[in-house]
Amino acid sequence: MNRTDRLYAMVEELRAVAPRPRSATWLAGRFEVCARTVERDISALQQAGVPIYAEPGRIGGYVLDKARTLPPVNVTPEEAVAIAVGLEMLRGTPFHAAARSALRKVVAVMPEREAGEAADLADRIRLIGGAPPEVPSAVARALAAHRVLRFGYLDRGGSRTEREIEPLSYIGGPTHWYLVGWCRLRRAHRAFRLDRIVSPVATEEVAPHRDLDPRTLDIPHELRVPALT
């Protein structure tokens, strides 16, 4: 059994017995490796985001948190490539880094042969058009953590003003994405094009709660909320 198959099998073994633990010694015997190899494998899985924790005690060991994981997902090579193409369309949006992380998790649970077929198919696909600029991580962090954001903002003519805003939401479409927030300079809700934000800094100041009706921003398009189901 190669290491990739062993890591996959180890997660499924822990899933099958959860919430009961499996010791490093037991897992070493099960997969015919030494206990030190098991510890390295568990560490690699934890670093990859698999929710495995150590339970101390005489009958302790490693436990998988089933509430935070999914059972194996049977994804075909074509489905994996479709996911990759769809997620690539998020480049230049606030969700590109999260999309890449999600794709890595999908590929990680695929059998080695299917993952290879998916990689071969993906290598035969080309997307037309240059990549838009990446969204600074400080912008995404400020909105997610409800922190005040400071940045320079360029208008259409390239003139720069310094802004301090309380981030509220994103509004996005096929052409541009905007960060919506309460602008302390203008003392009003404003929408800022993400590609015009420069040198953003997420401060430690917690932004106060403010209600927002996106229709007040005078954006001439229908606004939709993305579905999670």
C-alpha atoms as a PDB file:
ATOM      1  CA  MET A   1       0.000   0.000   0.000  1.00  0.00           C
ATOM      2  CA  ASN A   2       1.470   3.358  -1.019  1.00  0.00           C
ATOM      3  CA  ARG A   3       1.311   6.352   1.322  1.00  0.00           C
ATOM      4  CA  THR A   4      -1.609   8.050  -0.427  1.00  0.00           C
ATOM      5  CA  ASP A   5      -3.749   4.911  -0.172  1.00  0.00           C
ATOM      6  CA  ARG A   6      -2.656   4.431   3.448  1.00  0.00           C
ATOM      7  CA  LEU A   7      -3.659   7.968   4.424  1.00  0.00           C
ATOM      8  CA  TYR A   8      -7.058   7.493   2.790  1.00  0.00           C
ATOM      9  CA  ALA A   9      -7.546   4.117   4.498  1.00  0.00           C
ATOM     10  CA  MET A  10      -6.460   5.536   7.841  1.00  0.00           C
ATOM     11  CA  VAL A  11      -9.107   8.264   7.705  1.00  0.00           C
ATOM     12  CA  GLU A  12     -11.776   5.694   6.836  1.00  0.00           C
ATOM     13  CA  GLU A  13     -10.661   3.431   9.694  1.00  0.00           C
ATOM     14  CA  LEU A  14     -10.957   6.299  12.167  1.00  0.00           C
ATOM     15  CA  ARG A  15     -14.305   7.301  10.669  1.00  0.00           C
ATOM     16  CA  ALA A  16     -15.671   3.755  11.047  1.00  0.00           C
ATOM     17  CA  VAL A  17     -14.947   3.577  14.787  1.00  0.00           C
ATOM     18  CA  ALA A  18     -15.533   7.228  15.770  1.00  0.00           C
ATOM     19  CA  PRO A  19     -15.982   8.483  18.422  1.00  0.00           C
ATOM     20  CA  ARG A  20     -13.869   5.617  19.788  1.00  0.00           C
ATOM     21  CA  PRO A  21     -10.085   6.130  19.473  1.00  0.00           C
ATOM     22  CA  ARG A  22      -7.446   4.058  17.735  1.00  0.00           C
ATOM     23  CA  SER A  23      -3.960   4.046  19.214  1.00  0.00           C
ATOM     24  CA  ALA A  24      -0.794   4.565  17.162  1.00  0.00           C
ATOM     25  CA  THR A  25       0.233   0.998  18.034  1.00  0.00           C
ATOM     26  CA  TRP A  26      -3.073  -0.425  16.796  1.00  0.00           C
ATOM     27  CA  LEU A  27      -2.908   1.587  13.562  1.00  0.00           C
ATOM     28  CA  ALA A  28       0.728   0.550  13.047  1.00  0.00           C
ATOM     29  CA  GLY A  29      -0.276  -3.103  13.219  1.00  0.00           C
ATOM     30  CA  ARG A  30      -3.277  -2.562  10.959  1.00  0.00           C
ATOM     31  CA  PHE A  31      -1.246  -0.886   8.210  1.00  0.00           C
ATOM     32  CA  GLU A  32       2.016  -2.812   8.770  1.00  0.00           C
ATOM     33  CA  VAL A  33       4.162   0.234   9.515  1.00  0.00           C
ATOM     34  CA  CYS A  34       5.912   1.513  12.635  1.00  0.00           C
ATOM     35  CA  ALA A  35       4.200   3.738  15.203  1.00  0.00           C
ATOM     36  CA  ARG A  36       6.462   6.649  14.183  1.00  0.00           C
ATOM     37  CA  THR A  37       5.166   6.400  10.606  1.00  0.00           C
ATOM     38  CA  VAL A  38       1.591   6.506  11.934  1.00  0.00           C
ATOM     39  CA  GLU A  39       2.395   9.654  13.889  1.00  0.00           C
ATOM     40  CA  ARG A  40       3.838  11.304  10.762  1.00  0.00           C
ATOM     41  CA  ASP A  41       0.775  10.270   8.757  1.00  0.00           C
ATOM     42  CA  ILE A  42      -1.608  11.658  11.373  1.00  0.00           C
ATOM     43  CA  SER A  43       0.364  14.920  11.465  1.00  0.00           C
ATOM     44  CA  ALA A  44       0.136  15.197   7.661  1.00  0.00           C
ATOM     45  CA  LEU A  45      -3.619  14.625   7.759  1.00  0.00           C
ATOM     46  CA  GLN A  46      -4.064  17.231  10.497  1.00  0.00           C
ATOM     47  CA  GLN A  47      -2.038  19.782   8.509  1.00  0.00           C
ATOM     48  CA  ALA A  48      -4.269  19.051   5.506  1.00  0.00           C
ATOM     49  CA  GLY A  49      -7.309  20.009   7.591  1.00  0.00           C
ATOM     50  CA  VAL A  50      -8.635  16.568   8.556  1.00  0.00           C
ATOM     51  CA  PRO A  51     -10.213  16.989  12.044  1.00  0.00           C
ATOM     52  CA  ILE A  52      -8.246  14.315  13.916  1.00  0.00           C
ATOM     53  CA  TYR A  53      -7.357  14.895  17.549  1.00  0.00           C
ATOM     54  CA  ALA A  54      -5.444  12.916  20.178  1.00  0.00           C
ATOM     55  CA  GLU A  55      -7.376  11.591  23.153  1.00  0.00           C
ATOM     56  CA  PRO A  56      -5.077  11.067  26.160  1.00  0.00           C
ATOM     57  CA  GLY A  57      -5.272   8.234  28.651  1.00  0.00           C
ATOM     58  CA  ARG A  58      -4.572   4.504  28.926  1.00  0.00           C
ATOM     59  CA  ILE A  59      -7.207   3.658  26.337  1.00  0.00           C
ATOM     60  CA  GLY A  60      -6.742   6.850  24.345  1.00  0.00           C
ATOM     61  CA  GLY A  61      -5.545   7.348  20.807  1.00  0.00           C
ATOM     62  CA  TYR A  62      -6.555   9.221  17.681  1.00  0.00           C
ATOM     63  CA  VAL A  63     -10.182  10.223  17.074  1.00  0.00           C
ATOM     64  CA  LEU A  64     -11.848  11.598  13.950  1.00  0.00           C
ATOM     65  CA  ASP A  65     -14.533  14.244  14.466  1.00  0.00           C
ATOM     66  CA  LYS A  66     -17.289  12.801  12.253  1.00  0.00           C
ATOM     67  CA  ALA A  67     -19.415  15.938  12.656  1.00  0.00           C
ATOM     68  CA  ARG A  68     -16.829  17.938  10.694  1.00  0.00           C
ATOM     69  CA  THR A  69     -16.112  15.505   7.847  1.00  0.00           C
ATOM     70  CA  LEU A  70     -17.911  13.944   4.925  1.00  0.00           C
ATOM     71  CA  PRO A  71     -17.882  10.266   3.988  1.00  0.00           C
ATOM     72  CA  PRO A  72     -16.050   9.374   0.751  1.00  0.00           C
ATOM     73  CA  VAL A  73     -17.385  11.243  -2.258  1.00  0.00           C
ATOM     74  CA  ASN A  74     -17.239   9.314  -5.525  1.00  0.00           C
ATOM     75  CA  VAL A  75     -16.134  11.980  -8.004  1.00  0.00           C
ATOM     76  CA  THR A  76     -15.414  10.980 -11.603  1.00  0.00           C
ATOM     77  CA  PRO A  77     -12.463  12.514 -13.471  1.00  0.00           C
ATOM     78  CA  GLU A  78     -14.920  14.519 -15.596  1.00  0.00           C
ATOM     79  CA  GLU A  79     -16.700  15.823 -12.488  1.00  0.00           C
ATOM     80  CA  ALA A  80     -13.377  16.779 -10.884  1.00  0.00           C
ATOM     81  CA  VAL A  81     -12.346  18.743 -13.979  1.00  0.00           C
ATOM     82  CA  ALA A  82     -15.772  20.414 -14.146  1.00  0.00           C
ATOM     83  CA  ILE A  83     -15.300  21.499 -10.529  1.00  0.00           C
ATOM     84  CA  ALA A  84     -11.799  22.788 -11.322  1.00  0.00           C
ATOM     85  CA  VAL A  85     -13.026  24.803 -14.323  1.00  0.00           C
ATOM     86  CA  GLY A  86     -15.924  26.254 -12.341  1.00  0.00           C
ATOM     87  CA  LEU A  87     -13.694  27.204  -9.440  1.00  0.00           C
ATOM     88  CA  GLU A  88     -11.149  28.774 -11.783  1.00  0.00           C
ATOM     89  CA  MET A  89     -13.867  31.238 -12.772  1.00  0.00           C
ATOM     90  CA  LEU A  90     -13.622  32.556  -9.206  1.00  0.00           C
ATOM     91  CA  ARG A  91     -10.122  33.904  -9.877  1.00  0.00           C
ATOM     92  CA  GLY A  92     -10.085  37.591  -9.036  1.00  0.00           C
ATOM     93  CA  THR A  93     -12.963  37.225  -6.557  1.00  0.00           C
ATOM     94  CA  PRO A  94     -12.686  37.100  -2.754  1.00  0.00           C
ATOM     95  CA  PHE A  95     -13.265  33.337  -2.859  1.00  0.00           C
ATOM     96  CA  HIS A  96     -10.441  32.145  -5.118  1.00  0.00           C
ATOM     97  CA  ALA A  97      -8.133  30.963  -2.323  1.00  0.00           C
ATOM     98  CA  ALA A  98     -10.979  29.092  -0.620  1.00  0.00           C
ATOM     99  CA  ALA A  99     -11.947  27.550  -3.973  1.00  0.00           C
ATOM    100  CA  ARG A 100      -8.428  26.212  -4.522  1.00  0.00           C
ATOM    101  CA  SER A 101      -8.415  24.760  -1.016  1.00  0.00           C
ATOM    102  CA  ALA A 102     -11.764  23.051  -1.662  1.00  0.00           C
ATOM    103  CA  LEU A 103     -10.475  21.577  -4.933  1.00  0.00           C
ATOM    104  CA  ARG A 104      -7.412  20.133  -3.200  1.00  0.00           C
ATOM    105  CA  LYS A 105      -9.709  18.400  -0.696  1.00  0.00           C
ATOM    106  CA  VAL A 106     -11.765  16.871  -3.523  1.00  0.00           C
ATOM    107  CA  VAL A 107      -8.678  15.597  -5.344  1.00  0.00           C
ATOM    108  CA  ALA A 108      -7.182  14.255  -2.096  1.00  0.00           C
ATOM    109  CA  VAL A 109     -10.056  11.776  -1.579  1.00  0.00           C
ATOM    110  CA  MET A 110     -10.028  10.519  -5.176  1.00  0.00           C
ATOM    111  CA  PRO A 111      -8.419   7.136  -5.876  1.00  0.00           C
ATOM    112  CA  GLU A 112      -4.977   7.508  -7.417  1.00  0.00           C
ATOM    113  CA  ARG A 113      -6.013   6.248 -10.869  1.00  0.00           C
ATOM    114  CA  GLU A 114      -9.020   8.577 -11.153  1.00  0.00           C
ATOM    115  CA  ALA A 115      -6.974  11.518  -9.877  1.00  0.00           C
ATOM    116  CA  GLY A 116      -4.400  10.827 -12.592  1.00  0.00           C
ATOM    117  CA  GLU A 117      -7.089  10.687 -15.274  1.00  0.00           C
ATOM    118  CA  ALA A 118      -8.491  13.998 -14.019  1.00  0.00           C
ATOM    119  CA  ALA A 119      -5.045  15.608 -14.150  1.00  0.00           C
ATOM    120  CA  ASP A 120      -4.563  14.356 -17.716  1.00  0.00           C
ATOM    121  CA  LEU A 121      -7.949  15.714 -18.813  1.00  0.00           C
ATOM    122  CA  ALA A 122      -7.337  19.071 -17.099  1.00  0.00           C
ATOM    123  CA  ASP A 123      -3.999  19.358 -18.934  1.00  0.00           C
ATOM    124  CA  ARG A 124      -5.922  19.291 -22.236  1.00  0.00           C
ATOM    125  CA  ILE A 125      -8.140  22.250 -21.335  1.00  0.00           C
ATOM    126  CA  ARG A 126      -7.228  25.892 -21.926  1.00  0.00           C
ATOM    127  CA  LEU A 127      -9.166  28.941 -20.730  1.00  0.00           C
ATOM    128  CA  ILE A 128      -9.147  32.107 -22.834  1.00  0.00           C
ATOM    129  CA  GLY A 129      -8.474  35.473 -21.238  1.00  0.00           C
ATOM    130  CA  GLY A 130      -5.999  36.917 -18.821  1.00  0.00           C
ATOM    131  CA  ALA A 131      -6.333  36.375 -15.106  1.00  0.00           C
ATOM    132  CA  PRO A 132      -7.798  39.316 -13.137  1.00  0.00           C
ATOM    133  CA  PRO A 133      -5.824  40.601 -10.164  1.00  0.00           C
ATOM    134  CA  GLU A 134      -6.031  38.641  -6.943  1.00  0.00           C
ATOM    135  CA  VAL A 135      -8.091  40.066  -4.103  1.00  0.00           C
ATOM    136  CA  PRO A 136      -5.811  41.087  -1.210  1.00  0.00           C
ATOM    137  CA  SER A 137      -6.182  38.717   1.729  1.00  0.00           C
ATOM    138  CA  ALA A 138      -6.589  41.694   4.091  1.00  0.00           C
ATOM    139  CA  VAL A 139      -9.885  42.581   2.400  1.00  0.00           C
ATOM    140  CA  ALA A 140     -11.331  39.092   2.815  1.00  0.00           C
ATOM    141  CA  ARG A 141     -10.046  38.883   6.391  1.00  0.00           C
ATOM    142  CA  ALA A 142     -11.589  42.215   7.411  1.00  0.00           C
ATOM    143  CA  LEU A 143     -15.054  41.251   6.170  1.00  0.00           C
ATOM    144  CA  ALA A 144     -14.957  37.736   7.633  1.00  0.00           C
ATOM    145  CA  ALA A 145     -13.698  38.930  11.028  1.00  0.00           C
ATOM    146  CA  HIS A 146     -15.822  42.122  11.174  1.00  0.00           C
ATOM    147  CA  ARG A 147     -12.758  44.376  11.370  1.00  0.00           C
ATOM    148  CA  VAL A 148     -12.370  47.978  10.219  1.00  0.00           C
ATOM    149  CA  LEU A 149     -10.415  48.168   6.947  1.00  0.00           C
ATOM    150  CA  ARG A 150      -8.027  50.941   5.873  1.00  0.00           C
ATOM    151  CA  PHE A 151      -6.903  51.320   2.265  1.00  0.00           C
ATOM    152  CA  GLY A 152      -6.149  53.680  -0.566  1.00  0.00           C
ATOM    153  CA  TYR A 153      -8.846  53.916  -3.235  1.00  0.00           C
ATOM    154  CA  LEU A 154      -8.313  54.917  -6.874  1.00  0.00           C
ATOM    155  CA  ASP A 155     -11.123  56.656  -8.741  1.00  0.00           C
ATOM    156  CA  ARG A 156     -11.692  56.368 -12.499  1.00  0.00           C
ATOM    157  CA  GLY A 157      -9.061  58.980 -13.189  1.00  0.00           C
ATOM    158  CA  GLY A 158      -6.469  57.319 -10.956  1.00  0.00           C
ATOM    159  CA  SER A 159      -6.686  59.849  -8.115  1.00  0.00           C
ATOM    160  CA  ARG A 160      -6.202  58.282  -4.707  1.00  0.00           C
ATOM    161  CA  THR A 161      -8.045  58.923  -1.459  1.00  0.00           C
ATOM    162  CA  GLU A 162      -7.445  57.236   1.893  1.00  0.00           C
ATOM    163  CA  ARG A 163     -10.457  55.386   3.235  1.00  0.00           C
ATOM    164  CA  GLU A 164     -11.443  53.721   6.485  1.00  0.00           C
ATOM    165  CA  ILE A 165     -14.557  51.590   6.211  1.00  0.00           C
ATOM    166  CA  GLU A 166     -16.644  49.135   8.161  1.00  0.00           C
ATOM    167  CA  PRO A 167     -16.991  46.194   5.716  1.00  0.00           C
ATOM    168  CA  LEU A 168     -20.499  44.800   5.263  1.00  0.00           C
ATOM    169  CA  SER A 169     -20.767  42.624   2.156  1.00  0.00           C
ATOM    170  CA  TYR A 170     -19.613  41.776  -1.345  1.00  0.00           C
ATOM    171  CA  ILE A 171     -21.501  42.443  -4.556  1.00  0.00           C
ATOM    172  CA  GLY A 172     -20.160  40.619  -7.581  1.00  0.00           C
ATOM    173  CA  GLY A 173     -20.833  39.795 -11.190  1.00  0.00           C
ATOM    174  CA  PRO A 174     -19.070  38.685 -14.374  1.00  0.00           C
ATOM    175  CA  THR A 175     -17.225  41.996 -14.791  1.00  0.00           C
ATOM    176  CA  HIS A 176     -16.396  43.436 -11.367  1.00  0.00           C
ATOM    177  CA  TRP A 177     -16.594  42.662  -7.665  1.00  0.00           C
ATOM    178  CA  TYR A 178     -17.278  45.320  -5.049  1.00  0.00           C
ATOM    179  CA  LEU A 179     -16.719  45.586  -1.317  1.00  0.00           C
ATOM    180  CA  VAL A 180     -19.661  47.322   0.348  1.00  0.00           C
ATOM    181  CA  GLY A 181     -19.198  49.129   3.635  1.00  0.00           C
ATOM    182  CA  TRP A 182     -19.840  52.176   5.746  1.00  0.00           C
ATOM    183  CA  CYS A 183     -17.292  54.772   4.629  1.00  0.00           C
ATOM    184  CA  ARG A 184     -16.135  56.922   7.518  1.00  0.00           C
ATOM    185  CA  LEU A 185     -14.847  59.586   5.116  1.00  0.00           C
ATOM    186  CA  ARG A 186     -18.183  60.016   3.310  1.00  0.00           C
ATOM    187  CA  ARG A 187     -20.292  58.971   6.312  1.00  0.00           C
ATOM    188  CA  ALA A 188     -22.466  56.796   4.088  1.00  0.00           C
ATOM    189  CA  HIS A 189     -22.659  53.332   2.551  1.00  0.00           C
ATOM    190  CA  ARG A 190     -20.355  52.989  -0.434  1.00  0.00           C
ATOM    191  CA  ALA A 191     -19.365  50.228  -2.889  1.00  0.00           C
ATOM    192  CA  PHE A 192     -15.643  49.974  -3.705  1.00  0.00           C
ATOM    193  CA  ARG A 193     -14.359  48.105  -6.753  1.00  0.00           C
ATOM    194  CA  LEU A 194     -11.910  45.513  -5.508  1.00  0.00           C
ATOM    195  CA  ASP A 195      -9.398  46.138  -8.293  1.00  0.00           C
ATOM    196  CA  ARG A 196      -9.153  49.804  -7.230  1.00  0.00           C
ATOM    197  CA  ILE A 197      -8.319  49.066  -3.603  1.00  0.00           C
ATOM    198  CA  VAL A 198      -4.604  49.431  -2.834  1.00  0.00           C
ATOM    199  CA  SER A 199      -2.510  48.736   0.267  1.00  0.00           C
ATOM    200  CA  PRO A 200      -5.389  47.433   2.438  1.00  0.00           C
ATOM    201  CA  VAL A 201      -4.845  46.838   6.151  1.00  0.00           C
ATOM    202  CA  ALA A 202      -7.287  44.934   8.345  1.00  0.00           C
ATOM    203  CA  THR A 203      -7.159  46.652  11.731  1.00  0.00           C
ATOM    204  CA  GLU A 204      -7.888  45.101  15.103  1.00  0.00           C
ATOM    205  CA  GLU A 205     -10.887  47.413  15.620  1.00  0.00           C
ATOM    206  CA  VAL A 206     -14.181  45.523  15.597  1.00  0.00           C
ATOM    207  CA  ALA A 207     -16.647  47.136  13.205  1.00  0.00           C
ATOM    208  CA  PRO A 208     -20.018  47.994  14.785  1.00  0.00           C
ATOM    209  CA  HIS A 209     -23.177  46.393  13.448  1.00  0.00           C
ATOM    210  CA  ARG A 210     -24.904  48.356  10.688  1.00  0.00           C
ATOM    211  CA  ASP A 211     -27.949  47.394   8.647  1.00  0.00           C
ATOM    212  CA  LEU A 212     -27.654  47.600   4.887  1.00  0.00           C
ATOM    213  CA  ASP A 213     -30.163  47.538   2.057  1.00  0.00           C
ATOM    214  CA  PRO A 214     -28.074  46.905  -1.116  1.00  0.00           C
ATOM    215  CA  ARG A 215     -30.802  48.550  -3.201  1.00  0.00           C
ATOM    216  CA  THR A 216     -29.754  51.926  -1.787  1.00  0.00           C
ATOM    217  CA  LEU A 217     -26.421  51.669  -3.617  1.00  0.00           C
ATOM    218  CA  ASP A 218     -27.988  52.399  -7.018  1.00  0.00           C
ATOM    219  CA  ILE A 219     -26.509  49.328  -8.726  1.00  0.00           C
ATOM    220  CA  PRO A 220     -28.428  48.805 -12.002  1.00  0.00           C
ATOM    221  CA  HIS A 221     -28.626  45.016 -11.889  1.00  0.00           C
ATOM    222  CA  GLU A 222     -30.727  42.365 -10.206  1.00  0.00           C
ATOM    223  CA  LEU A 223     -29.186  41.260  -6.917  1.00  0.00           C
ATOM    224  CA  ARG A 224     -29.249  37.560  -6.028  1.00  0.00           C
ATOM    225  CA  VAL A 225     -28.127  35.616  -2.976  1.00  0.00           C
ATOM    226  CA  PRO A 226     -26.058  32.498  -3.826  1.00  0.00           C
ATOM    227  CA  ALA A 227     -27.759  29.207  -2.938  1.00  0.00           C
ATOM    228  CA  LEU A 228     -25.951  26.675  -0.771  1.00  0.00           C
ATOM    229  CA  THR A 229     -28.247  23.800  -1.745  1.00  0.00           C
END
